[in-house]
Amino acid sequence: MPATEPRRSPEELARLGSEVFDHRVRPALRPEDDGKFVAIDIGTGDYEIDDDDYAAVSRLRSRNTEAEIWLERVGQPAAYRMRRGR
């Protein structure tokens, strides 16, 4: 998977990703999608949903290798949580 240079600031990427999630993805979600990852192409509004973040991103990139991708997790405030080691 080729790396792409970001075209937008992290703040704008987050704003646009959240807009697409709220307007396009959220209305299509089902109860069984809770906890799944949603990879969103913020340029096109296209998205993929999967239990595995890599699978969702890979399917999206297979359609548009230049996609700027925003990742969310259904029903969670963030896609990932960082914990302090024990």
PDB file of N, CA and C in Angstrom:
ATOM      1  N   MET A   1       0.854  -1.166   0.000  1.00  0.00           N
ATOM      2  CA  MET A   1       0.000   0.000   0.000  1.00  0.00           C
ATOM      3  C   MET A   1       0.903   1.232   0.000  1.00  0.00           C
ATOM      4  N   PRO A   2       0.847   2.081  -1.027  1.00  0.00           N
ATOM      5  CA  PRO A   2       1.727   3.250  -1.075  1.00  0.00           C
ATOM      6  C   PRO A   2       1.296   4.319  -0.082  1.00  0.00           C
ATOM      7  N   ALA A   3       2.286   4.982   0.495  1.00  0.00           N
ATOM      8  CA  ALA A   3       1.993   6.087   1.409  1.00  0.00           C
ATOM      9  C   ALA A   3       1.678   7.333   0.595  1.00  0.00           C
ATOM     10  N   THR A   4       0.765   8.121   1.067  1.00  0.00           N
ATOM     11  CA  THR A   4       0.429   9.369   0.390  1.00  0.00           C
ATOM     12  C   THR A   4       0.681  10.531   1.327  1.00  0.00           C
ATOM     13  N   GLU A   5       1.059  11.643   0.761  1.00  0.00           N
ATOM     14  CA  GLU A   5       1.269  12.854   1.548  1.00  0.00           C
ATOM     15  C   GLU A   5      -0.088  13.455   1.895  1.00  0.00           C
ATOM     16  N   PRO A   6      -0.275  13.875   3.134  1.00  0.00           N
ATOM     17  CA  PRO A   6      -1.560  14.484   3.501  1.00  0.00           C
ATOM     18  C   PRO A   6      -1.780  15.799   2.759  1.00  0.00           C
ATOM     19  N   ARG A   7      -2.995  15.992   2.294  1.00  0.00           N
ATOM     20  CA  ARG A   7      -3.351  17.219   1.583  1.00  0.00           C
ATOM     21  C   ARG A   7      -4.089  18.192   2.489  1.00  0.00           C
ATOM     22  N   ARG A   8      -4.517  17.712   3.656  1.00  0.00           N
ATOM     23  CA  ARG A   8      -5.276  18.538   4.599  1.00  0.00           C
ATOM     24  C   ARG A   8      -4.627  18.457   5.976  1.00  0.00           C
ATOM     25  N   SER A   9      -4.917  19.447   6.790  1.00  0.00           N
ATOM     26  CA  SER A   9      -4.420  19.423   8.164  1.00  0.00           C
ATOM     27  C   SER A   9      -5.150  18.326   8.935  1.00  0.00           C
ATOM     28  N   PRO A  10      -4.553  17.845  10.030  1.00  0.00           N
ATOM     29  CA  PRO A  10      -5.249  16.836  10.845  1.00  0.00           C
ATOM     30  C   PRO A  10      -6.615  17.326  11.337  1.00  0.00           C
ATOM     31  N   GLU A  11      -6.719  18.613  11.659  1.00  0.00           N
ATOM     32  CA  GLU A  11      -7.993  19.158  12.138  1.00  0.00           C
ATOM     33  C   GLU A  11      -9.061  19.129  11.039  1.00  0.00           C
ATOM     34  N   GLU A  12      -8.658  19.486   9.823  1.00  0.00           N
ATOM     35  CA  GLU A  12      -9.628  19.468   8.730  1.00  0.00           C
ATOM     36  C   GLU A  12     -10.002  18.037   8.362  1.00  0.00           C
ATOM     37  N   LEU A  13      -9.039  17.145   8.383  1.00  0.00           N
ATOM     38  CA  LEU A  13      -9.317  15.739   8.113  1.00  0.00           C
ATOM     39  C   LEU A  13     -10.337  15.202   9.111  1.00  0.00           C
ATOM     40  N   ALA A  14     -10.153  15.528  10.389  1.00  0.00           N
ATOM     41  CA  ALA A  14     -11.084  15.081  11.431  1.00  0.00           C
ATOM     42  C   ALA A  14     -12.469  15.677  11.225  1.00  0.00           C
ATOM     43  N   ARG A  15     -12.534  16.957  10.893  1.00  0.00           N
ATOM     44  CA  ARG A  15     -13.827  17.620  10.692  1.00  0.00           C
ATOM     45  C   ARG A  15     -14.572  16.995   9.515  1.00  0.00           C
ATOM     46  N   LEU A  16     -13.883  16.819   8.388  1.00  0.00           N
ATOM     47  CA  LEU A  16     -14.523  16.252   7.206  1.00  0.00           C
ATOM     48  C   LEU A  16     -14.907  14.788   7.423  1.00  0.00           C
ATOM     49  N   GLY A  17     -14.030  14.033   8.084  1.00  0.00           N
ATOM     50  CA  GLY A  17     -14.336  12.631   8.366  1.00  0.00           C
ATOM     51  C   GLY A  17     -15.565  12.490   9.248  1.00  0.00           C
ATOM     52  N   SER A  18     -15.650  13.345  10.264  1.00  0.00           N
ATOM     53  CA  SER A  18     -16.813  13.313  11.154  1.00  0.00           C
ATOM     54  C   SER A  18     -18.096  13.705  10.432  1.00  0.00           C
ATOM     55  N   GLU A  19     -18.003  14.665   9.524  1.00  0.00           N
ATOM     56  CA  GLU A  19     -19.184  15.072   8.744  1.00  0.00           C
ATOM     57  C   GLU A  19     -19.695  13.925   7.890  1.00  0.00           C
ATOM     58  N   VAL A  20     -18.780  13.243   7.183  1.00  0.00           N
ATOM     59  CA  VAL A  20     -19.195  12.113   6.345  1.00  0.00           C
ATOM     60  C   VAL A  20     -19.787  11.010   7.228  1.00  0.00           C
ATOM     61  N   PHE A  21     -19.142  10.742   8.359  1.00  0.00           N
ATOM     62  CA  PHE A  21     -19.657   9.707   9.259  1.00  0.00           C
ATOM     63  C   PHE A  21     -21.076  10.043   9.709  1.00  0.00           C
ATOM     64  N   ASP A  22     -21.291  11.274  10.140  1.00  0.00           N
ATOM     65  CA  ASP A  22     -22.606  11.669  10.657  1.00  0.00           C
ATOM     66  C   ASP A  22     -23.693  11.686   9.587  1.00  0.00           C
ATOM     67  N   HIS A  23     -23.356  12.110   8.364  1.00  0.00           N
ATOM     68  CA  HIS A  23     -24.373  12.273   7.322  1.00  0.00           C
ATOM     69  C   HIS A  23     -24.574  11.050   6.430  1.00  0.00           C
ATOM     70  N   ARG A  24     -23.518  10.268   6.184  1.00  0.00           N
ATOM     71  CA  ARG A  24     -23.641   9.142   5.258  1.00  0.00           C
ATOM     72  C   ARG A  24     -23.584   7.785   5.949  1.00  0.00           C
ATOM     73  N   VAL A  25     -22.655   7.649   6.901  1.00  0.00           N
ATOM     74  CA  VAL A  25     -22.437   6.333   7.501  1.00  0.00           C
ATOM     75  C   VAL A  25     -23.447   6.035   8.604  1.00  0.00           C
ATOM     76  N   ARG A  26     -23.581   6.941   9.553  1.00  0.00           N
ATOM     77  CA  ARG A  26     -24.450   6.696  10.714  1.00  0.00           C
ATOM     78  C   ARG A  26     -25.863   6.241  10.316  1.00  0.00           C
ATOM     79  N   PRO A  27     -26.513   6.873   9.313  1.00  0.00           N
ATOM     80  CA  PRO A  27     -27.861   6.423   8.945  1.00  0.00           C
ATOM     81  C   PRO A  27     -27.915   4.986   8.405  1.00  0.00           C
ATOM     82  N   ALA A  28     -26.778   4.475   7.905  1.00  0.00           N
ATOM     83  CA  ALA A  28     -26.758   3.129   7.326  1.00  0.00           C
ATOM     84  C   ALA A  28     -26.315   2.059   8.320  1.00  0.00           C
ATOM     85  N   LEU A  29     -25.933   2.446   9.519  1.00  0.00           N
ATOM     86  CA  LEU A  29     -25.426   1.490  10.502  1.00  0.00           C
ATOM     87  C   LEU A  29     -26.538   0.610  11.060  1.00  0.00           C
ATOM     88  N   ARG A  30     -26.149  -0.633  11.388  1.00  0.00           N
ATOM     89  CA  ARG A  30     -27.059  -1.593  12.003  1.00  0.00           C
ATOM     90  C   ARG A  30     -26.524  -1.927  13.391  1.00  0.00           C
ATOM     91  N   PRO A  31     -27.332  -2.470  14.267  1.00  0.00           N
ATOM     92  CA  PRO A  31     -26.854  -2.815  15.615  1.00  0.00           C
ATOM     93  C   PRO A  31     -25.618  -3.718  15.608  1.00  0.00           C
ATOM     94  N   GLU A  32     -25.530  -4.617  14.650  1.00  0.00           N
ATOM     95  CA  GLU A  32     -24.392  -5.535  14.591  1.00  0.00           C
ATOM     96  C   GLU A  32     -23.088  -4.856  14.162  1.00  0.00           C
ATOM     97  N   ASP A  33     -23.161  -3.594  13.756  1.00  0.00           N
ATOM     98  CA  ASP A  33     -21.956  -2.844  13.375  1.00  0.00           C
ATOM     99  C   ASP A  33     -21.248  -2.228  14.579  1.00  0.00           C
ATOM    100  N   ASP A  34     -21.866  -2.281  15.758  1.00  0.00           N
ATOM    101  CA  ASP A  34     -21.271  -1.679  16.951  1.00  0.00           C
ATOM    102  C   ASP A  34     -19.885  -2.266  17.203  1.00  0.00           C
ATOM    103  N   GLY A  35     -18.895  -1.390  17.372  1.00  0.00           N
ATOM    104  CA  GLY A  35     -17.523  -1.809  17.618  1.00  0.00           C
ATOM    105  C   GLY A  35     -16.690  -2.016  16.371  1.00  0.00           C
ATOM    106  N   LYS A  36     -17.312  -1.994  15.202  1.00  0.00           N
ATOM    107  CA  LYS A  36     -16.564  -2.178  13.955  1.00  0.00           C
ATOM    108  C   LYS A  36     -15.866  -0.880  13.551  1.00  0.00           C
ATOM    109  N   PHE A  37     -14.851  -1.028  12.715  1.00  0.00           N
ATOM    110  CA  PHE A  37     -14.126   0.116  12.183  1.00  0.00           C
ATOM    111  C   PHE A  37     -14.787   0.606  10.903  1.00  0.00           C
ATOM    112  N   VAL A  38     -14.795   1.913  10.720  1.00  0.00           N
ATOM    113  CA  VAL A  38     -15.298   2.530   9.499  1.00  0.00           C
ATOM    114  C   VAL A  38     -14.164   3.348   8.898  1.00  0.00           C
ATOM    115  N   ALA A  39     -13.731   2.963   7.709  1.00  0.00           N
ATOM    116  CA  ALA A  39     -12.717   3.708   6.969  1.00  0.00           C
ATOM    117  C   ALA A  39     -13.453   4.574   5.958  1.00  0.00           C
ATOM    118  N   ILE A  40     -13.197   5.880   6.000  1.00  0.00           N
ATOM    119  CA  ILE A  40     -13.920   6.834   5.155  1.00  0.00           C
ATOM    120  C   ILE A  40     -12.951   7.563   4.237  1.00  0.00           C
ATOM    121  N   ASP A  41     -13.250   7.571   2.937  1.00  0.00           N
ATOM    122  CA  ASP A  41     -12.512   8.396   1.973  1.00  0.00           C
ATOM    123  C   ASP A  41     -13.165   9.767   2.020  1.00  0.00           C
ATOM    124  N   ILE A  42     -12.489  10.745   2.630  1.00  0.00           N
ATOM    125  CA  ILE A  42     -13.131  12.038   2.816  1.00  0.00           C
ATOM    126  C   ILE A  42     -13.317  12.805   1.515  1.00  0.00           C
ATOM    127  N   GLY A  43     -12.599  12.434   0.468  1.00  0.00           N
ATOM    128  CA  GLY A  43     -12.752  13.110  -0.816  1.00  0.00           C
ATOM    129  C   GLY A  43     -14.012  12.693  -1.555  1.00  0.00           C
ATOM    130  N   THR A  44     -14.364  11.414  -1.446  1.00  0.00           N
ATOM    131  CA  THR A  44     -15.508  10.900  -2.189  1.00  0.00           C
ATOM    132  C   THR A  44     -16.708  10.569  -1.308  1.00  0.00           C
ATOM    133  N   GLY A  45     -16.474  10.399  -0.004  1.00  0.00           N
ATOM    134  CA  GLY A  45     -17.545   9.973   0.888  1.00  0.00           C
ATOM    135  C   GLY A  45     -17.749   8.475   0.891  1.00  0.00           C
ATOM    136  N   ASP A  46     -16.950   7.759   0.101  1.00  0.00           N
ATOM    137  CA  ASP A  46     -17.031   6.300   0.066  1.00  0.00           C
ATOM    138  C   ASP A  46     -16.519   5.754   1.391  1.00  0.00           C
ATOM    139  N   TYR A  47     -17.001   4.588   1.818  1.00  0.00           N
ATOM    140  CA  TYR A  47     -16.553   4.032   3.088  1.00  0.00           C
ATOM    141  C   TYR A  47     -16.639   2.512   3.085  1.00  0.00           C
ATOM    142  N   GLU A  48     -15.931   1.910   4.030  1.00  0.00           N
ATOM    143  CA  GLU A  48     -15.950   0.468   4.259  1.00  0.00           C
ATOM    144  C   GLU A  48     -16.081   0.227   5.750  1.00  0.00           C
ATOM    145  N   ILE A  49     -16.813  -0.813   6.117  1.00  0.00           N
ATOM    146  CA  ILE A  49     -17.002  -1.199   7.510  1.00  0.00           C
ATOM    147  C   ILE A  49     -16.485  -2.625   7.687  1.00  0.00           C
ATOM    148  N   ASP A  50     -15.696  -2.843   8.752  1.00  0.00           N
ATOM    149  CA  ASP A  50     -15.164  -4.182   9.012  1.00  0.00           C
ATOM    150  C   ASP A  50     -14.757  -4.302  10.479  1.00  0.00           C
ATOM    151  N   ASP A  51     -14.727  -5.538  10.982  1.00  0.00           N
ATOM    152  CA  ASP A  51     -14.214  -5.792  12.329  1.00  0.00           C
ATOM    153  C   ASP A  51     -12.730  -5.458  12.411  1.00  0.00           C
ATOM    154  N   ASP A  52     -12.041  -5.570  11.287  1.00  0.00           N
ATOM    155  CA  ASP A  52     -10.597  -5.364  11.211  1.00  0.00           C
ATOM    156  C   ASP A  52     -10.301  -4.033  10.509  1.00  0.00           C
ATOM    157  N   ASP A  53      -9.569  -3.152  11.182  1.00  0.00           N
ATOM    158  CA  ASP A  53      -9.270  -1.843  10.605  1.00  0.00           C
ATOM    159  C   ASP A  53      -8.479  -1.951   9.309  1.00  0.00           C
ATOM    160  N   TYR A  54      -7.509  -2.861   9.278  1.00  0.00           N
ATOM    161  CA  TYR A  54      -6.678  -3.016   8.083  1.00  0.00           C
ATOM    162  C   TYR A  54      -7.500  -3.481   6.885  1.00  0.00           C
ATOM    163  N   ALA A  55      -8.428  -4.391   7.107  1.00  0.00           N
ATOM    164  CA  ALA A  55      -9.273  -4.885   6.018  1.00  0.00           C
ATOM    165  C   ALA A  55     -10.143  -3.768   5.446  1.00  0.00           C
ATOM    166  N   ALA A  56     -10.721  -2.951   6.325  1.00  0.00           N
ATOM    167  CA  ALA A  56     -11.563  -1.843   5.863  1.00  0.00           C
ATOM    168  C   ALA A  56     -10.749  -0.844   5.044  1.00  0.00           C
ATOM    169  N   VAL A  57      -9.574  -0.477   5.545  1.00  0.00           N
ATOM    170  CA  VAL A  57      -8.719   0.475   4.830  1.00  0.00           C
ATOM    171  C   VAL A  57      -8.243  -0.123   3.515  1.00  0.00           C
ATOM    172  N   SER A  58      -7.865  -1.381   3.513  1.00  0.00           N
ATOM    173  CA  SER A  58      -7.368  -2.031   2.290  1.00  0.00           C
ATOM    174  C   SER A  58      -8.429  -2.067   1.197  1.00  0.00           C
ATOM    175  N   ARG A  59      -9.659  -2.406   1.563  1.00  0.00           N
ATOM    176  CA  ARG A  59     -10.728  -2.430   0.551  1.00  0.00           C
ATOM    177  C   ARG A  59     -10.970  -1.036  -0.018  1.00  0.00           C
ATOM    178  N   LEU A  60     -10.939  -0.037   0.848  1.00  0.00           N
ATOM    179  CA  LEU A  60     -11.148   1.332   0.391  1.00  0.00           C
ATOM    180  C   LEU A  60     -10.004   1.762  -0.525  1.00  0.00           C
ATOM    181  N   ARG A  61      -8.768   1.460  -0.143  1.00  0.00           N
ATOM    182  CA  ARG A  61      -7.601   1.822  -0.965  1.00  0.00           C
ATOM    183  C   ARG A  61      -7.575   1.060  -2.282  1.00  0.00           C
ATOM    184  N   SER A  62      -8.167  -0.125  -2.334  1.00  0.00           N
ATOM    185  CA  SER A  62      -8.182  -0.878  -3.590  1.00  0.00           C
ATOM    186  C   SER A  62      -9.026  -0.164  -4.644  1.00  0.00           C
ATOM    187  N   ARG A  63      -9.978   0.649  -4.190  1.00  0.00           N
ATOM    188  CA  ARG A  63     -10.809   1.420  -5.124  1.00  0.00           C
ATOM    189  C   ARG A  63     -10.217   2.787  -5.437  1.00  0.00           C
ATOM    190  N   ASN A  64      -9.472   3.353  -4.476  1.00  0.00           N
ATOM    191  CA  ASN A  64      -8.877   4.681  -4.680  1.00  0.00           C
ATOM    192  C   ASN A  64      -7.563   4.747  -3.907  1.00  0.00           C
ATOM    193  N   THR A  65      -6.454   4.521  -4.599  1.00  0.00           N
ATOM    194  CA  THR A  65      -5.146   4.489  -3.940  1.00  0.00           C
ATOM    195  C   THR A  65      -4.732   5.842  -3.386  1.00  0.00           C
ATOM    196  N   GLU A  66      -5.342   6.918  -3.846  1.00  0.00           N
ATOM    197  CA  GLU A  66      -4.999   8.265  -3.392  1.00  0.00           C
ATOM    198  C   GLU A  66      -5.932   8.768  -2.288  1.00  0.00           C
ATOM    199  N   ALA A  67      -6.783   7.907  -1.776  1.00  0.00           N
ATOM    200  CA  ALA A  67      -7.783   8.320  -0.786  1.00  0.00           C
ATOM    201  C   ALA A  67      -7.129   8.880   0.477  1.00  0.00           C
ATOM    202  N   GLU A  68      -7.716   9.965   0.998  1.00  0.00           N
ATOM    203  CA  GLU A  68      -7.371  10.449   2.333  1.00  0.00           C
ATOM    204  C   GLU A  68      -8.384   9.797   3.265  1.00  0.00           C
ATOM    205  N   ILE A  69      -7.890   8.946   4.142  1.00  0.00           N
ATOM    206  CA  ILE A  69      -8.783   8.098   4.923  1.00  0.00           C
ATOM    207  C   ILE A  69      -8.875   8.566   6.370  1.00  0.00           C
ATOM    208  N   TRP A  70     -10.121   8.630   6.836  1.00  0.00           N
ATOM    209  CA  TRP A  70     -10.433   8.908   8.234  1.00  0.00           C
ATOM    210  C   TRP A  70     -10.988   7.616   8.801  1.00  0.00           C
ATOM    211  N   LEU A  71     -10.520   7.212   9.988  1.00  0.00           N
ATOM    212  CA  LEU A  71     -10.952   5.962  10.594  1.00  0.00           C
ATOM    213  C   LEU A  71     -11.718   6.249  11.878  1.00  0.00           C
ATOM    214  N   GLU A  72     -12.904   5.664  11.988  1.00  0.00           N
ATOM    215  CA  GLU A  72     -13.714   5.781  13.208  1.00  0.00           C
ATOM    216  C   GLU A  72     -14.111   4.381  13.631  1.00  0.00           C
ATOM    217  N   ARG A  73     -14.545   4.288  14.876  1.00  0.00           N
ATOM    218  CA  ARG A  73     -15.051   3.020  15.386  1.00  0.00           C
ATOM    219  C   ARG A  73     -16.478   3.248  15.858  1.00  0.00           C
ATOM    220  N   VAL A  74     -17.394   2.439  15.352  1.00  0.00           N
ATOM    221  CA  VAL A  74     -18.814   2.595  15.641  1.00  0.00           C
ATOM    222  C   VAL A  74     -19.065   2.434  17.140  1.00  0.00           C
ATOM    223  N   GLY A  75     -19.765   3.429  17.715  1.00  0.00           N
ATOM    224  CA  GLY A  75     -20.150   3.370  19.114  1.00  0.00           C
ATOM    225  C   GLY A  75     -19.050   3.722  20.092  1.00  0.00           C
ATOM    226  N   GLN A  76     -17.901   4.168  19.591  1.00  0.00           N
ATOM    227  CA  GLN A  76     -16.772   4.517  20.452  1.00  0.00           C
ATOM    228  C   GLN A  76     -16.381   5.975  20.224  1.00  0.00           C
ATOM    229  N   PRO A  77     -15.849   6.643  21.248  1.00  0.00           N
ATOM    230  CA  PRO A  77     -15.431   8.035  21.061  1.00  0.00           C
ATOM    231  C   PRO A  77     -14.154   8.172  20.225  1.00  0.00           C
ATOM    232  N   ALA A  78     -13.382   7.088  20.106  1.00  0.00           N
ATOM    233  CA  ALA A  78     -12.147   7.111  19.317  1.00  0.00           C
ATOM    234  C   ALA A  78     -11.933   5.732  18.701  1.00  0.00           C
ATOM    235  N   ALA A  79     -11.179   5.692  17.607  1.00  0.00           N
ATOM    236  CA  ALA A  79     -10.915   4.410  16.953  1.00  0.00           C
ATOM    237  C   ALA A  79     -10.042   3.513  17.825  1.00  0.00           C
ATOM    238  N   TYR A  80      -9.118   4.131  18.578  1.00  0.00           N
ATOM    239  CA  TYR A  80      -8.191   3.374  19.416  1.00  0.00           C
ATOM    240  C   TYR A  80      -8.096   3.992  20.791  1.00  0.00           C
ATOM    241  N   ARG A  81      -7.708   3.187  21.768  1.00  0.00           N
ATOM    242  CA  ARG A  81      -7.422   3.672  23.113  1.00  0.00           C
ATOM    243  C   ARG A  81      -5.976   3.326  23.429  1.00  0.00           C
ATOM    244  N   MET A  82      -5.304   4.256  24.062  1.00  0.00           N
ATOM    245  CA  MET A  82      -3.937   3.999  24.487  1.00  0.00           C
ATOM    246  C   MET A  82      -3.957   3.821  25.997  1.00  0.00           C
ATOM    247  N   ARG A  83      -3.297   2.796  26.447  1.00  0.00           N
ATOM    248  CA  ARG A  83      -3.240   2.511  27.875  1.00  0.00           C
ATOM    249  C   ARG A  83      -1.797   2.570  28.346  1.00  0.00           C
ATOM    250  N   ARG A  84      -1.667   2.912  29.573  1.00  0.00           N
ATOM    251  CA  ARG A  84      -0.350   2.930  30.177  1.00  0.00           C
ATOM    252  C   ARG A  84       0.050   1.500  30.505  1.00  0.00           C
ATOM    253  N   GLY A  85       1.315   1.153  30.226  1.00  0.00           N
ATOM    254  CA  GLY A  85       1.795  -0.208  30.493  1.00  0.00           C
ATOM    255  C   GLY A  85       1.835  -0.515  31.975  1.00  0.00           C
ATOM    256  N   ARG A  86       1.807  -1.773  32.291  1.00  0.00           N
ATOM    257  CA  ARG A  86       1.821  -2.200  33.704  1.00  0.00           C
ATOM    258  C   ARG A  86       3.216  -2.477  34.164  1.00  0.00           C
TER     259      ARG A  86
END
